[in-house]
Amino acid sequence: MPGCHSYVIALDATNPDALWITEVWDGKDSHAGSLKLPAVQAAITKARPLVAGFGHRFETTPIAGVR
C-alpha cells in the first residue's frame, strides 16, 4: 500500500494464542488513508470476529535504520 514500508505478523514467544502485528508507515496520513481503502475495510470486517482483543498498542518514531 502507498506509504507502507513494512507489515509483519509474528507469533508471540510466550503466548501461543497471540500475534504481534508491526507496521511501518511513512506517516499517520498514509496509515489513515489505507484504512479507507475498500480492500482494507473488507479485510477488517472479515478479521474482526477472529480478534479477541487488543492488549497493547505502541507507537514509535524511528530514528535510524536501513531503507
Protein backbone atom coordinates (compact mmCIF):
# COMPACT_ATOMS: atom_id res chain seq x y z
CA MET A 1 0.00 0.00 0.00
CA PRO A 2 1.23 3.50 -0.64
CA GLY A 3 3.25 4.74 2.31
CA CYS A 4 3.64 1.31 3.94
CA HIS A 5 7.31 0.34 4.31
CA SER A 6 6.78 -2.85 6.31
CA TYR A 7 3.95 -5.03 7.60
CA VAL A 8 5.00 -8.01 9.76
CA ILE A 9 2.79 -10.55 11.52
CA ALA A 10 4.68 -12.57 14.15
CA LEU A 11 3.92 -15.22 16.74
CA ASP A 12 4.25 -14.25 20.39
CA ALA A 13 7.12 -16.18 22.00
CA THR A 14 5.24 -16.68 25.28
CA ASN A 15 1.57 -16.87 24.29
CA PRO A 16 0.57 -19.33 21.55
CA ASP A 17 -2.80 -17.59 21.14
CA ALA A 18 -1.31 -14.15 20.49
CA LEU A 19 0.10 -12.40 17.44
CA TRP A 20 2.14 -9.23 17.09
CA ILE A 21 1.50 -7.01 14.10
CA THR A 22 4.14 -4.40 13.31
CA GLU A 23 3.50 -1.75 10.68
CA VAL A 24 5.94 0.88 9.44
CA TRP A 25 4.38 3.82 7.62
CA ASP A 26 5.84 6.99 6.19
CA GLY A 27 3.33 8.96 8.26
CA LYS A 28 -0.02 8.98 10.01
CA ASP A 29 -1.81 10.30 6.91
CA SER A 30 -0.73 7.28 4.82
CA HIS A 31 -1.91 4.89 7.51
CA ALA A 32 -5.23 6.70 7.90
CA GLY A 33 -5.69 6.68 4.13
CA SER A 34 -5.11 2.94 3.96
CA LEU A 35 -7.94 2.35 6.42
CA LYS A 36 -10.34 3.95 3.93
CA LEU A 37 -9.48 1.57 1.07
CA PRO A 38 -12.29 -0.87 0.19
CA ALA A 39 -9.95 -3.90 0.32
CA VAL A 40 -8.73 -2.92 3.78
CA GLN A 41 -12.28 -2.29 5.01
CA ALA A 42 -13.27 -5.77 3.76
CA ALA A 43 -10.27 -7.38 5.49
CA ILE A 44 -11.09 -5.63 8.77
CA THR A 45 -14.71 -6.77 8.56
CA LYS A 46 -13.61 -10.35 7.90
CA ALA A 47 -10.99 -10.39 10.68
CA ARG A 48 -12.96 -8.60 13.40
CA PRO A 49 -14.82 -11.77 14.61
CA LEU A 50 -11.47 -13.55 14.97
CA VAL A 51 -9.90 -10.90 17.20
CA ALA A 52 -10.41 -11.45 20.92
CA GLY A 53 -8.97 -8.05 21.81
CA PHE A 54 -6.02 -5.75 21.60
CA GLY A 55 -3.73 -5.97 24.59
CA HIS A 56 -1.09 -3.37 23.77
CA ARG A 57 -0.51 -0.68 21.20
CA PHE A 58 2.84 1.02 20.84
CA GLU A 59 3.64 3.96 18.60
CA THR A 60 7.29 4.76 17.94
CA THR A 61 9.31 7.29 15.98
CA PRO A 62 12.16 5.68 14.02
CA ILE A 63 15.50 7.42 14.31
CA ALA A 64 17.75 5.05 12.32
CA GLY A 65 17.59 2.07 10.01
CA VAL A 66 18.03 0.80 6.50
CA ARG A 67 15.66 1.62 3.72
